[in-house]
Amino acid sequence: MEHPYTSNESAAKIFYFLLQIAHMIIQLIYKGSLLRAALIQVTSMKMLAFFLLEAWRNAFITKNNLELIKMKKIQIRFDTS
């Protein structure tokens, strides 16, 4: 957050909010039950970030697959330990 990515005040606020949303999503994945079900070999946040990046690079979702994903019910349970 110390690097000035822009001098535009609105752009800086938007970047900050996107950074906060990304952090929240990473925390939900890392502390939730979805990680244990999908990626047992993840041992650090750096490895989690690598797997997420590779998933985005290699994912190909068709319109039919997207509709099936939207209809599927998902429940996230948090780790209490």
PDB file of N, CA and C in Angstrom:
ATOM      1  N   MET A   1       0.815  -1.200   0.000  1.00  0.00           N
ATOM      2  CA  MET A   1       0.000   0.000   0.000  1.00  0.00           C
ATOM      3  C   MET A   1       0.857   1.261   0.000  1.00  0.00           C
ATOM      4  N   GLU A   2       2.143   1.143   0.212  1.00  0.00           N
ATOM      5  CA  GLU A   2       2.989   2.330   0.235  1.00  0.00           C
ATOM      6  C   GLU A   2       3.357   2.817  -1.166  1.00  0.00           C
ATOM      7  N   HIS A   3       3.284   1.943  -2.158  1.00  0.00           N
ATOM      8  CA  HIS A   3       3.627   2.340  -3.516  1.00  0.00           C
ATOM      9  C   HIS A   3       2.475   3.145  -4.126  1.00  0.00           C
ATOM     10  N   PRO A   4       2.740   4.334  -4.656  1.00  0.00           N
ATOM     11  CA  PRO A   4       1.668   5.124  -5.284  1.00  0.00           C
ATOM     12  C   PRO A   4       1.362   4.621  -6.687  1.00  0.00           C
ATOM     13  N   TYR A   5       0.364   3.752  -6.817  1.00  0.00           N
ATOM     14  CA  TYR A   5       0.025   3.204  -8.129  1.00  0.00           C
ATOM     15  C   TYR A   5      -0.626   4.239  -9.027  1.00  0.00           C
ATOM     16  N   THR A   6      -1.170   5.279  -8.431  1.00  0.00           N
ATOM     17  CA  THR A   6      -1.824   6.330  -9.208  1.00  0.00           C
ATOM     18  C   THR A   6      -1.856   7.615  -8.398  1.00  0.00           C
ATOM     19  N   SER A   7      -2.018   8.731  -9.091  1.00  0.00           N
ATOM     20  CA  SER A   7      -2.182  10.006  -8.394  1.00  0.00           C
ATOM     21  C   SER A   7      -3.654  10.416  -8.349  1.00  0.00           C
ATOM     22  N   ASN A   8      -4.502   9.625  -8.998  1.00  0.00           N
ATOM     23  CA  ASN A   8      -5.933   9.888  -9.007  1.00  0.00           C
ATOM     24  C   ASN A   8      -6.553   9.372  -7.711  1.00  0.00           C
ATOM     25  N   GLU A   9      -7.221  10.235  -6.969  1.00  0.00           N
ATOM     26  CA  GLU A   9      -7.767   9.867  -5.668  1.00  0.00           C
ATOM     27  C   GLU A   9      -8.846   8.783  -5.786  1.00  0.00           C
ATOM     28  N   SER A  10      -9.715   8.884  -6.768  1.00  0.00           N
ATOM     29  CA  SER A  10     -10.768   7.880  -6.954  1.00  0.00           C
ATOM     30  C   SER A  10     -10.180   6.513  -7.308  1.00  0.00           C
ATOM     31  N   ALA A  11      -9.191   6.498  -8.174  1.00  0.00           N
ATOM     32  CA  ALA A  11      -8.549   5.240  -8.562  1.00  0.00           C
ATOM     33  C   ALA A  11      -7.850   4.600  -7.367  1.00  0.00           C
ATOM     34  N   ALA A  12      -7.240   5.419  -6.525  1.00  0.00           N
ATOM     35  CA  ALA A  12      -6.569   4.894  -5.332  1.00  0.00           C
ATOM     36  C   ALA A  12      -7.584   4.266  -4.375  1.00  0.00           C
ATOM     37  N   LYS A  13      -8.740   4.889  -4.213  1.00  0.00           N
ATOM     38  CA  LYS A  13      -9.785   4.330  -3.349  1.00  0.00           C
ATOM     39  C   LYS A  13     -10.306   3.008  -3.913  1.00  0.00           C
ATOM     40  N   ILE A  14     -10.524   2.952  -5.215  1.00  0.00           N
ATOM     41  CA  ILE A  14     -11.007   1.724  -5.849  1.00  0.00           C
ATOM     42  C   ILE A  14      -9.979   0.612  -5.694  1.00  0.00           C
ATOM     43  N   PHE A  15      -8.698   0.941  -5.900  1.00  0.00           N
ATOM     44  CA  PHE A  15      -7.641  -0.056  -5.730  1.00  0.00           C
ATOM     45  C   PHE A  15      -7.619  -0.575  -4.294  1.00  0.00           C
ATOM     46  N   TYR A  16      -7.763   0.324  -3.325  1.00  0.00           N
ATOM     47  CA  TYR A  16      -7.761  -0.075  -1.921  1.00  0.00           C
ATOM     48  C   TYR A  16      -8.932  -1.019  -1.623  1.00  0.00           C
ATOM     49  N   PHE A  17     -10.120  -0.695  -2.119  1.00  0.00           N
ATOM     50  CA  PHE A  17     -11.287  -1.550  -1.885  1.00  0.00           C
ATOM     51  C   PHE A  17     -11.116  -2.922  -2.539  1.00  0.00           C
ATOM     52  N   LEU A  18     -10.572  -2.958  -3.749  1.00  0.00           N
ATOM     53  CA  LEU A  18     -10.321  -4.237  -4.414  1.00  0.00           C
ATOM     54  C   LEU A  18      -9.297  -5.069  -3.651  1.00  0.00           C
ATOM     55  N   LEU A  19      -8.298  -4.400  -3.094  1.00  0.00           N
ATOM     56  CA  LEU A  19      -7.299  -5.089  -2.277  1.00  0.00           C
ATOM     57  C   LEU A  19      -7.939  -5.693  -1.030  1.00  0.00           C
ATOM     58  N   GLN A  20      -8.850  -4.960  -0.403  1.00  0.00           N
ATOM     59  CA  GLN A  20      -9.546  -5.466   0.780  1.00  0.00           C
ATOM     60  C   GLN A  20     -10.436  -6.656   0.434  1.00  0.00           C
ATOM     61  N   ILE A  21     -11.128  -6.581  -0.696  1.00  0.00           N
ATOM     62  CA  ILE A  21     -11.990  -7.691  -1.131  1.00  0.00           C
ATOM     63  C   ILE A  21     -11.143  -8.929  -1.423  1.00  0.00           C
ATOM     64  N   ALA A  22     -10.017  -8.755  -2.098  1.00  0.00           N
ATOM     65  CA  ALA A  22      -9.130  -9.880  -2.387  1.00  0.00           C
ATOM     66  C   ALA A  22      -8.613 -10.512  -1.097  1.00  0.00           C
ATOM     67  N   HIS A  23      -8.261  -9.695  -0.131  1.00  0.00           N
ATOM     68  CA  HIS A  23      -7.782 -10.215   1.152  1.00  0.00           C
ATOM     69  C   HIS A  23      -8.885 -11.012   1.852  1.00  0.00           C
ATOM     70  N   MET A  24     -10.102 -10.512   1.825  1.00  0.00           N
ATOM     71  CA  MET A  24     -11.215 -11.209   2.454  1.00  0.00           C
ATOM     72  C   MET A  24     -11.464 -12.569   1.782  1.00  0.00           C
ATOM     73  N   ILE A  25     -11.408 -12.607   0.464  1.00  0.00           N
ATOM     74  CA  ILE A  25     -11.623 -13.867  -0.254  1.00  0.00           C
ATOM     75  C   ILE A  25     -10.527 -14.874   0.080  1.00  0.00           C
ATOM     76  N   ILE A  26      -9.277 -14.410   0.118  1.00  0.00           N
ATOM     77  CA  ILE A  26      -8.165 -15.302   0.467  1.00  0.00           C
ATOM     78  C   ILE A  26      -8.345 -15.852   1.877  1.00  0.00           C
ATOM     79  N   GLN A  27      -8.772 -15.012   2.809  1.00  0.00           N
ATOM     80  CA  GLN A  27      -8.977 -15.476   4.186  1.00  0.00           C
ATOM     81  C   GLN A  27     -10.114 -16.495   4.255  1.00  0.00           C
ATOM     82  N   LEU A  28     -11.189 -16.266   3.515  1.00  0.00           N
ATOM     83  CA  LEU A  28     -12.294 -17.226   3.495  1.00  0.00           C
ATOM     84  C   LEU A  28     -11.850 -18.577   2.939  1.00  0.00           C
ATOM     85  N   ILE A  29     -11.051 -18.545   1.884  1.00  0.00           N
ATOM     86  CA  ILE A  29     -10.579 -19.797   1.299  1.00  0.00           C
ATOM     87  C   ILE A  29      -9.601 -20.489   2.235  1.00  0.00           C
ATOM     88  N   TYR A  30      -8.661 -19.732   2.802  1.00  0.00           N
ATOM     89  CA  TYR A  30      -7.614 -20.321   3.626  1.00  0.00           C
ATOM     90  C   TYR A  30      -8.159 -20.866   4.942  1.00  0.00           C
ATOM     91  N   LYS A  31      -9.122 -20.169   5.543  1.00  0.00           N
ATOM     92  CA  LYS A  31      -9.653 -20.590   6.841  1.00  0.00           C
ATOM     93  C   LYS A  31     -10.902 -21.460   6.707  1.00  0.00           C
ATOM     94  N   GLY A  32     -11.467 -21.561   5.521  1.00  0.00           N
ATOM     95  CA  GLY A  32     -12.702 -22.299   5.326  1.00  0.00           C
ATOM     96  C   GLY A  32     -12.476 -23.761   4.987  1.00  0.00           C
ATOM     97  N   SER A  33     -13.568 -24.474   4.821  1.00  0.00           N
ATOM     98  CA  SER A  33     -13.507 -25.907   4.553  1.00  0.00           C
ATOM     99  C   SER A  33     -13.275 -26.233   3.079  1.00  0.00           C
ATOM    100  N   LEU A  34     -13.450 -25.271   2.186  1.00  0.00           N
ATOM    101  CA  LEU A  34     -13.258 -25.536   0.765  1.00  0.00           C
ATOM    102  C   LEU A  34     -11.816 -25.894   0.446  1.00  0.00           C
ATOM    103  N   LEU A  35     -10.883 -25.302   1.166  1.00  0.00           N
ATOM    104  CA  LEU A  35      -9.473 -25.575   0.930  1.00  0.00           C
ATOM    105  C   LEU A  35      -9.129 -27.017   1.268  1.00  0.00           C
ATOM    106  N   ARG A  36      -9.634 -27.503   2.383  1.00  0.00           N
ATOM    107  CA  ARG A  36      -9.341 -28.879   2.776  1.00  0.00           C
ATOM    108  C   ARG A  36      -9.905 -29.873   1.781  1.00  0.00           C
ATOM    109  N   ALA A  37     -11.054 -29.568   1.224  1.00  0.00           N
ATOM    110  CA  ALA A  37     -11.678 -30.491   0.274  1.00  0.00           C
ATOM    111  C   ALA A  37     -10.962 -30.486  -1.081  1.00  0.00           C
ATOM    112  N   ALA A  38     -10.459 -29.334  -1.493  1.00  0.00           N
ATOM    113  CA  ALA A  38      -9.908 -29.219  -2.842  1.00  0.00           C
ATOM    114  C   ALA A  38      -8.385 -29.336  -2.912  1.00  0.00           C
ATOM    115  N   LEU A  39      -7.704 -28.736  -1.966  1.00  0.00           N
ATOM    116  CA  LEU A  39      -6.245 -28.651  -2.050  1.00  0.00           C
ATOM    117  C   LEU A  39      -5.607 -29.080  -0.729  1.00  0.00           C
ATOM    118  N   ILE A  40      -5.433 -30.355  -0.566  1.00  0.00           N
ATOM    119  CA  ILE A  40      -4.858 -30.874   0.665  1.00  0.00           C
ATOM    120  C   ILE A  40      -3.385 -30.471   0.802  1.00  0.00           C
ATOM    121  N   GLN A  41      -2.656 -30.350  -0.302  1.00  0.00           N
ATOM    122  CA  GLN A  41      -1.230 -30.108  -0.243  1.00  0.00           C
ATOM    123  C   GLN A  41      -0.849 -28.657   0.029  1.00  0.00           C
ATOM    124  N   VAL A  42      -1.782 -27.751   0.230  1.00  0.00           N
ATOM    125  CA  VAL A  42      -1.472 -26.350   0.492  1.00  0.00           C
ATOM    126  C   VAL A  42      -0.979 -26.211   1.925  1.00  0.00           C
ATOM    127  N   THR A  43       0.228 -25.689   2.078  1.00  0.00           N
ATOM    128  CA  THR A  43       0.811 -25.543   3.410  1.00  0.00           C
ATOM    129  C   THR A  43       1.116 -24.104   3.777  1.00  0.00           C
ATOM    130  N   SER A  44       0.987 -23.181   2.826  1.00  0.00           N
ATOM    131  CA  SER A  44       1.281 -21.774   3.128  1.00  0.00           C
ATOM    132  C   SER A  44       0.413 -20.872   2.263  1.00  0.00           C
ATOM    133  N   MET A  45       0.356 -19.614   2.641  1.00  0.00           N
ATOM    134  CA  MET A  45      -0.408 -18.637   1.864  1.00  0.00           C
ATOM    135  C   MET A  45       0.231 -18.428   0.482  1.00  0.00           C
ATOM    136  N   LYS A  46       1.551 -18.519   0.407  1.00  0.00           N
ATOM    137  CA  LYS A  46       2.230 -18.358  -0.880  1.00  0.00           C
ATOM    138  C   LYS A  46       1.833 -19.473  -1.842  1.00  0.00           C
ATOM    139  N   MET A  47       1.752 -20.690  -1.327  1.00  0.00           N
ATOM    140  CA  MET A  47       1.350 -21.816  -2.166  1.00  0.00           C
ATOM    141  C   MET A  47      -0.116 -21.677  -2.572  1.00  0.00           C
ATOM    142  N   LEU A  48      -0.955 -21.185  -1.660  1.00  0.00           N
ATOM    143  CA  LEU A  48      -2.364 -20.947  -1.982  1.00  0.00           C
ATOM    144  C   LEU A  48      -2.488 -19.930  -3.112  1.00  0.00           C
ATOM    145  N   ALA A  49      -1.721 -18.842  -3.028  1.00  0.00           N
ATOM    146  CA  ALA A  49      -1.757 -17.822  -4.075  1.00  0.00           C
ATOM    147  C   ALA A  49      -1.314 -18.402  -5.412  1.00  0.00           C
ATOM    148  N   PHE A  50      -0.298 -19.267  -5.389  1.00  0.00           N
ATOM    149  CA  PHE A  50       0.176 -19.908  -6.621  1.00  0.00           C
ATOM    150  C   PHE A  50      -0.915 -20.785  -7.231  1.00  0.00           C
ATOM    151  N   PHE A  51      -1.593 -21.601  -6.405  1.00  0.00           N
ATOM    152  CA  PHE A  51      -2.652 -22.470  -6.909  1.00  0.00           C
ATOM    153  C   PHE A  51      -3.826 -21.659  -7.460  1.00  0.00           C
ATOM    154  N   LEU A  52      -4.181 -20.566  -6.800  1.00  0.00           N
ATOM    155  CA  LEU A  52      -5.270 -19.720  -7.298  1.00  0.00           C
ATOM    156  C   LEU A  52      -4.909 -19.090  -8.643  1.00  0.00           C
ATOM    157  N   LEU A  53      -3.667 -18.633  -8.765  1.00  0.00           N
ATOM    158  CA  LEU A  53      -3.221 -18.046 -10.027  1.00  0.00           C
ATOM    159  C   LEU A  53      -3.270 -19.073 -11.153  1.00  0.00           C
ATOM    160  N   GLU A  54      -2.797 -20.280 -10.883  1.00  0.00           N
ATOM    161  CA  GLU A  54      -2.827 -21.329 -11.896  1.00  0.00           C
ATOM    162  C   GLU A  54      -4.262 -21.723 -12.250  1.00  0.00           C
ATOM    163  N   ALA A  55      -5.144 -21.721 -11.265  1.00  0.00           N
ATOM    164  CA  ALA A  55      -6.544 -22.041 -11.541  1.00  0.00           C
ATOM    165  C   ALA A  55      -7.158 -20.996 -12.476  1.00  0.00           C
ATOM    166  N   TRP A  56      -6.856 -19.723 -12.249  1.00  0.00           N
ATOM    167  CA  TRP A  56      -7.385 -18.671 -13.122  1.00  0.00           C
ATOM    168  C   TRP A  56      -6.780 -18.748 -14.514  1.00  0.00           C
ATOM    169  N   ARG A  57      -5.519 -19.114 -14.602  1.00  0.00           N
ATOM    170  CA  ARG A  57      -4.869 -19.211 -15.913  1.00  0.00           C
ATOM    171  C   ARG A  57      -5.430 -20.348 -16.749  1.00  0.00           C
ATOM    172  N   ASN A  58      -5.741 -21.460 -16.113  1.00  0.00           N
ATOM    173  CA  ASN A  58      -6.113 -22.670 -16.833  1.00  0.00           C
ATOM    174  C   ASN A  58      -7.611 -22.955 -16.859  1.00  0.00           C
ATOM    175  N   ALA A  59      -8.397 -22.154 -16.189  1.00  0.00           N
ATOM    176  CA  ALA A  59      -9.839 -22.412 -16.112  1.00  0.00           C
ATOM    177  C   ALA A  59     -10.523 -21.992 -17.414  1.00  0.00           C
ATOM    178  N   PHE A  60     -11.396 -22.845 -17.878  1.00  0.00           N
ATOM    179  CA  PHE A  60     -12.217 -22.525 -19.039  1.00  0.00           C
ATOM    180  C   PHE A  60     -13.650 -22.901 -18.674  1.00  0.00           C
ATOM    181  N   ILE A  61     -14.482 -21.896 -18.494  1.00  0.00           N
ATOM    182  CA  ILE A  61     -15.849 -22.127 -18.062  1.00  0.00           C
ATOM    183  C   ILE A  61     -16.790 -21.764 -19.201  1.00  0.00           C
ATOM    184  N   THR A  62     -17.575 -22.738 -19.607  1.00  0.00           N
ATOM    185  CA  THR A  62     -18.569 -22.484 -20.639  1.00  0.00           C
ATOM    186  C   THR A  62     -19.843 -21.935 -19.993  1.00  0.00           C
ATOM    187  N   LYS A  63     -20.743 -21.457 -20.803  1.00  0.00           N
ATOM    188  CA  LYS A  63     -21.992 -20.901 -20.290  1.00  0.00           C
ATOM    189  C   LYS A  63     -22.804 -21.980 -19.570  1.00  0.00           C
ATOM    190  N   ASN A  64     -22.812 -23.198 -20.095  1.00  0.00           N
ATOM    191  CA  ASN A  64     -23.540 -24.299 -19.456  1.00  0.00           C
ATOM    192  C   ASN A  64     -22.928 -24.648 -18.101  1.00  0.00           C
ATOM    193  N   ASN A  65     -21.587 -24.698 -18.038  1.00  0.00           N
ATOM    194  CA  ASN A  65     -20.921 -24.982 -16.771  1.00  0.00           C
ATOM    195  C   ASN A  65     -21.208 -23.900 -15.743  1.00  0.00           C
ATOM    196  N   LEU A  66     -21.241 -22.649 -16.178  1.00  0.00           N
ATOM    197  CA  LEU A  66     -21.520 -21.546 -15.274  1.00  0.00           C
ATOM    198  C   LEU A  66     -22.928 -21.655 -14.695  1.00  0.00           C
ATOM    199  N   GLU A  67     -23.887 -22.036 -15.510  1.00  0.00           N
ATOM    200  CA  GLU A  67     -25.252 -22.214 -15.011  1.00  0.00           C
ATOM    201  C   GLU A  67     -25.315 -23.337 -13.975  1.00  0.00           C
ATOM    202  N   LEU A  68     -24.590 -24.434 -14.213  1.00  0.00           N
ATOM    203  CA  LEU A  68     -24.557 -25.524 -13.240  1.00  0.00           C
ATOM    204  C   LEU A  68     -23.904 -25.090 -11.932  1.00  0.00           C
ATOM    205  N   ILE A  69     -22.858 -24.294 -12.027  1.00  0.00           N
ATOM    206  CA  ILE A  69     -22.180 -23.800 -10.828  1.00  0.00           C
ATOM    207  C   ILE A  69     -23.106 -22.886 -10.038  1.00  0.00           C
ATOM    208  N   LYS A  70     -23.855 -22.034 -10.730  1.00  0.00           N
ATOM    209  CA  LYS A  70     -24.757 -21.114 -10.036  1.00  0.00           C
ATOM    210  C   LYS A  70     -25.897 -21.842  -9.331  1.00  0.00           C
ATOM    211  N   MET A  71     -26.325 -22.983  -9.860  1.00  0.00           N
ATOM    212  CA  MET A  71     -27.426 -23.732  -9.254  1.00  0.00           C
ATOM    213  C   MET A  71     -26.966 -24.574  -8.065  1.00  0.00           C
ATOM    214  N   LYS A  72     -25.682 -24.864  -7.988  1.00  0.00           N
ATOM    215  CA  LYS A  72     -25.143 -25.715  -6.935  1.00  0.00           C
ATOM    216  C   LYS A  72     -25.109 -24.968  -5.604  1.00  0.00           C
ATOM    217  N   LYS A  73     -25.563 -25.630  -4.538  1.00  0.00           N
ATOM    218  CA  LYS A  73     -25.527 -25.022  -3.215  1.00  0.00           C
ATOM    219  C   LYS A  73     -24.172 -25.283  -2.578  1.00  0.00           C
ATOM    220  N   ILE A  74     -23.577 -24.235  -2.008  1.00  0.00           N
ATOM    221  CA  ILE A  74     -22.259 -24.341  -1.394  1.00  0.00           C
ATOM    222  C   ILE A  74     -22.360 -23.874   0.053  1.00  0.00           C
ATOM    223  N   GLN A  75     -21.673 -24.585   0.930  1.00  0.00           N
ATOM    224  CA  GLN A  75     -21.636 -24.202   2.330  1.00  0.00           C
ATOM    225  C   GLN A  75     -20.180 -24.198   2.777  1.00  0.00           C
ATOM    226  N   ILE A  76     -19.748 -23.101   3.387  1.00  0.00           N
ATOM    227  CA  ILE A  76     -18.367 -22.975   3.874  1.00  0.00           C
ATOM    228  C   ILE A  76     -18.386 -23.073   5.387  1.00  0.00           C
ATOM    229  N   ARG A  77     -17.584 -23.973   5.936  1.00  0.00           N
ATOM    230  CA  ARG A  77     -17.436 -24.085   7.382  1.00  0.00           C
ATOM    231  C   ARG A  77     -16.046 -23.607   7.768  1.00  0.00           C
ATOM    232  N   PHE A  78     -15.973 -22.822   8.840  1.00  0.00           N
ATOM    233  CA  PHE A  78     -14.710 -22.256   9.263  1.00  0.00           C
ATOM    234  C   PHE A  78     -13.985 -23.155  10.235  1.00  0.00           C
ATOM    235  N   ASP A  79     -12.683 -23.153  10.147  1.00  0.00           N
ATOM    236  CA  ASP A  79     -11.817 -23.947  11.027  1.00  0.00           C
ATOM    237  C   ASP A  79     -11.827 -23.301  12.416  1.00  0.00           C
ATOM    238  N   THR A  80     -12.137 -24.057  13.433  1.00  0.00           N
ATOM    239  CA  THR A  80     -12.224 -23.514  14.792  1.00  0.00           C
ATOM    240  C   THR A  80     -10.943 -23.742  15.583  1.00  0.00           C
ATOM    241  N   SER A  81      -9.959 -24.382  15.005  1.00  0.00           N
ATOM    242  CA  SER A  81      -8.731 -24.650  15.751  1.00  0.00           C
ATOM    243  C   SER A  81      -7.796 -23.463  15.750  1.00  0.00           C
TER     244      SER A  81
END
